[in-house]
Amino acid sequence: MEFGIEVLSPVNKREPGLTNYRQKRRRLYQARVHLTVDIYK
């Protein structure tokens, strides 16, 4: 089973966080990570 949950999409992000978010997402995708959870206060 494959699914994804994204609470904050790239649309909700502004620079410089947007660039960091895209880079991190690309690295995780290339690493073939199956699950990531980011929890921010």
PDB file of N, CA and C in Angstrom:
ATOM      1  N   MET A   1       0.838  -1.160   0.000  1.00  0.00           N
ATOM      2  CA  MET A   1       0.000   0.000   0.000  1.00  0.00           C
ATOM      3  C   MET A   1       0.893   1.236   0.000  1.00  0.00           C
ATOM      4  N   GLU A   2       0.537   2.193  -0.821  1.00  0.00           N
ATOM      5  CA  GLU A   2       1.263   3.457  -0.874  1.00  0.00           C
ATOM      6  C   GLU A   2       0.293   4.600  -0.642  1.00  0.00           C
ATOM      7  N   PHE A   3       0.701   5.542   0.174  1.00  0.00           N
ATOM      8  CA  PHE A   3      -0.106   6.738   0.371  1.00  0.00           C
ATOM      9  C   PHE A   3       0.780   7.847   0.898  1.00  0.00           C
ATOM     10  N   GLY A   4       0.303   9.043   0.814  1.00  0.00           N
ATOM     11  CA  GLY A   4       1.063  10.171   1.329  1.00  0.00           C
ATOM     12  C   GLY A   4       0.152  11.131   2.060  1.00  0.00           C
ATOM     13  N   ILE A   5       0.681  11.710   3.104  1.00  0.00           N
ATOM     14  CA  ILE A   5      -0.034  12.725   3.858  1.00  0.00           C
ATOM     15  C   ILE A   5       0.870  13.950   3.918  1.00  0.00           C
ATOM     16  N   GLU A   6       0.354  15.050   3.477  1.00  0.00           N
ATOM     17  CA  GLU A   6       1.140  16.278   3.496  1.00  0.00           C
ATOM     18  C   GLU A   6       0.288  17.375   4.116  1.00  0.00           C
ATOM     19  N   VAL A   7       0.697  17.828   5.285  1.00  0.00           N
ATOM     20  CA  VAL A   7      -0.066  18.862   5.983  1.00  0.00           C
ATOM     21  C   VAL A   7       0.247  20.231   5.403  1.00  0.00           C
ATOM     22  N   LEU A   8       1.522  20.499   5.188  1.00  0.00           N
ATOM     23  CA  LEU A   8       1.938  21.751   4.572  1.00  0.00           C
ATOM     24  C   LEU A   8       2.533  21.460   3.207  1.00  0.00           C
ATOM     25  N   SER A   9       1.879  21.908   2.181  1.00  0.00           N
ATOM     26  CA  SER A   9       2.392  21.700   0.834  1.00  0.00           C
ATOM     27  C   SER A   9       3.367  22.827   0.497  1.00  0.00           C
ATOM     28  N   PRO A  10       4.086  22.710  -0.613  1.00  0.00           N
ATOM     29  CA  PRO A  10       4.999  23.783  -1.016  1.00  0.00           C
ATOM     30  C   PRO A  10       4.283  25.128  -1.174  1.00  0.00           C
ATOM     31  N   VAL A  11       2.996  25.101  -1.453  1.00  0.00           N
ATOM     32  CA  VAL A  11       2.230  26.337  -1.605  1.00  0.00           C
ATOM     33  C   VAL A  11       2.223  27.132  -0.303  1.00  0.00           C
ATOM     34  N   ASN A  12       2.294  26.433   0.836  1.00  0.00           N
ATOM     35  CA  ASN A  12       2.249  27.091   2.137  1.00  0.00           C
ATOM     36  C   ASN A  12       3.608  27.607   2.593  1.00  0.00           C
ATOM     37  N   LYS A  13       4.651  27.355   1.835  1.00  0.00           N
ATOM     38  CA  LYS A  13       5.996  27.724   2.269  1.00  0.00           C
ATOM     39  C   LYS A  13       6.503  28.940   1.505  1.00  0.00           C
ATOM     40  N   ARG A  14       7.333  29.720   2.183  1.00  0.00           N
ATOM     41  CA  ARG A  14       7.974  30.889   1.577  1.00  0.00           C
ATOM     42  C   ARG A  14       9.485  30.688   1.648  1.00  0.00           C
ATOM     43  N   GLU A  15      10.203  31.480   0.872  1.00  0.00           N
ATOM     44  CA  GLU A  15      11.662  31.420   0.903  1.00  0.00           C
ATOM     45  C   GLU A  15      12.169  31.911   2.248  1.00  0.00           C
ATOM     46  N   PRO A  16      13.274  31.430   2.773  1.00  0.00           N
ATOM     47  CA  PRO A  16      14.160  30.406   2.228  1.00  0.00           C
ATOM     48  C   PRO A  16      13.678  28.990   2.513  1.00  0.00           C
ATOM     49  N   GLY A  17      12.615  28.829   3.271  1.00  0.00           N
ATOM     50  CA  GLY A  17      12.130  27.499   3.625  1.00  0.00           C
ATOM     51  C   GLY A  17      11.690  26.672   2.433  1.00  0.00           C
ATOM     52  N   LEU A  18      11.169  27.323   1.389  1.00  0.00           N
ATOM     53  CA  LEU A  18      10.689  26.595   0.216  1.00  0.00           C
ATOM     54  C   LEU A  18      11.828  25.850  -0.472  1.00  0.00           C
ATOM     55  N   THR A  19      12.951  26.516  -0.655  1.00  0.00           N
ATOM     56  CA  THR A  19      14.103  25.870  -1.287  1.00  0.00           C
ATOM     57  C   THR A  19      14.607  24.717  -0.433  1.00  0.00           C
ATOM     58  N   ASN A  20      14.707  24.924   0.871  1.00  0.00           N
ATOM     59  CA  ASN A  20      15.154  23.857   1.773  1.00  0.00           C
ATOM     60  C   ASN A  20      14.197  22.676   1.729  1.00  0.00           C
ATOM     61  N   TYR A  21      12.901  22.960   1.719  1.00  0.00           N
ATOM     62  CA  TYR A  21      11.873  21.918   1.661  1.00  0.00           C
ATOM     63  C   TYR A  21      12.014  21.084   0.391  1.00  0.00           C
ATOM     64  N   ARG A  22      12.198  21.736  -0.745  1.00  0.00           N
ATOM     65  CA  ARG A  22      12.336  21.020  -2.023  1.00  0.00           C
ATOM     66  C   ARG A  22      13.598  20.164  -2.045  1.00  0.00           C
ATOM     67  N   GLN A  23      14.703  20.704  -1.523  1.00  0.00           N
ATOM     68  CA  GLN A  23      15.952  19.942  -1.494  1.00  0.00           C
ATOM     69  C   GLN A  23      15.810  18.707  -0.608  1.00  0.00           C
ATOM     70  N   LYS A  24      15.211  18.887   0.554  1.00  0.00           N
ATOM     71  CA  LYS A  24      15.025  17.767   1.475  1.00  0.00           C
ATOM     72  C   LYS A  24      14.125  16.708   0.855  1.00  0.00           C
ATOM     73  N   ARG A  25      13.040  17.133   0.223  1.00  0.00           N
ATOM     74  CA  ARG A  25      12.111  16.197  -0.404  1.00  0.00           C
ATOM     75  C   ARG A  25      12.792  15.413  -1.530  1.00  0.00           C
ATOM     76  N   ARG A  26      13.634  16.099  -2.298  1.00  0.00           N
ATOM     77  CA  ARG A  26      14.363  15.440  -3.384  1.00  0.00           C
ATOM     78  C   ARG A  26      15.335  14.397  -2.831  1.00  0.00           C
ATOM     79  N   ARG A  27      16.062  14.756  -1.749  1.00  0.00           N
ATOM     80  CA  ARG A  27      17.008  13.801  -1.145  1.00  0.00           C
ATOM     81  C   ARG A  27      16.276  12.573  -0.605  1.00  0.00           C
ATOM     82  N   LEU A  28      15.144  12.788   0.058  1.00  0.00           N
ATOM     83  CA  LEU A  28      14.380  11.666   0.605  1.00  0.00           C
ATOM     84  C   LEU A  28      13.848  10.773  -0.505  1.00  0.00           C
ATOM     85  N   TYR A  29      13.376  11.373  -1.578  1.00  0.00           N
ATOM     86  CA  TYR A  29      12.859  10.594  -2.697  1.00  0.00           C
ATOM     87  C   TYR A  29      13.969   9.749  -3.318  1.00  0.00           C
ATOM     88  N   GLN A  30      15.132  10.345  -3.498  1.00  0.00           N
ATOM     89  CA  GLN A  30      16.256   9.620  -4.093  1.00  0.00           C
ATOM     90  C   GLN A  30      16.750   8.510  -3.172  1.00  0.00           C
ATOM     91  N   ALA A  31      16.586   8.671  -1.861  1.00  0.00           N
ATOM     92  CA  ALA A  31      17.001   7.656  -0.895  1.00  0.00           C
ATOM     93  C   ALA A  31      15.962   6.551  -0.756  1.00  0.00           C
ATOM     94  N   ARG A  32      14.831   6.710  -1.421  1.00  0.00           N
ATOM     95  CA  ARG A  32      13.744   5.734  -1.414  1.00  0.00           C
ATOM     96  C   ARG A  32      13.201   5.506  -0.002  1.00  0.00           C
ATOM     97  N   VAL A  33      13.076   6.608   0.758  1.00  0.00           N
ATOM     98  CA  VAL A  33      12.514   6.560   2.103  1.00  0.00           C
ATOM     99  C   VAL A  33      11.026   6.287   1.995  1.00  0.00           C
ATOM    100  N   HIS A  34      10.537   5.400   2.833  1.00  0.00           N
ATOM    101  CA  HIS A  34       9.135   5.015   2.760  1.00  0.00           C
ATOM    102  C   HIS A  34       8.235   5.856   3.650  1.00  0.00           C
ATOM    103  N   LEU A  35       8.784   6.425   4.714  1.00  0.00           N
ATOM    104  CA  LEU A  35       7.967   7.217   5.627  1.00  0.00           C
ATOM    105  C   LEU A  35       8.814   8.307   6.254  1.00  0.00           C
ATOM    106  N   THR A  36       8.313   9.524   6.220  1.00  0.00           N
ATOM    107  CA  THR A  36       8.965  10.616   6.928  1.00  0.00           C
ATOM    108  C   THR A  36       7.916  11.352   7.740  1.00  0.00           C
ATOM    109  N   VAL A  37       8.308  11.785   8.929  1.00  0.00           N
ATOM    110  CA  VAL A  37       7.402  12.543   9.791  1.00  0.00           C
ATOM    111  C   VAL A  37       8.171  13.742  10.321  1.00  0.00           C
ATOM    112  N   ASP A  38       7.706  14.932  10.002  1.00  0.00           N
ATOM    113  CA  ASP A  38       8.279  16.165  10.540  1.00  0.00           C
ATOM    114  C   ASP A  38       7.246  16.775  11.468  1.00  0.00           C
ATOM    115  N   ILE A  39       7.633  17.020  12.701  1.00  0.00           N
ATOM    116  CA  ILE A  39       6.725  17.626  13.669  1.00  0.00           C
ATOM    117  C   ILE A  39       7.349  18.938  14.131  1.00  0.00           C
ATOM    118  N   TYR A  40       6.640  20.006  13.896  1.00  0.00           N
ATOM    119  CA  TYR A  40       7.110  21.331  14.292  1.00  0.00           C
ATOM    120  C   TYR A  40       6.169  21.920  15.317  1.00  0.00           C
ATOM    121  N   LYS A  41       6.736  22.655  16.268  1.00  0.00           N
ATOM    122  CA  LYS A  41       5.915  23.361  17.260  1.00  0.00           C
ATOM    123  C   LYS A  41       5.454  24.666  16.706  1.00  0.00           C
TER     124      LYS A  41
END
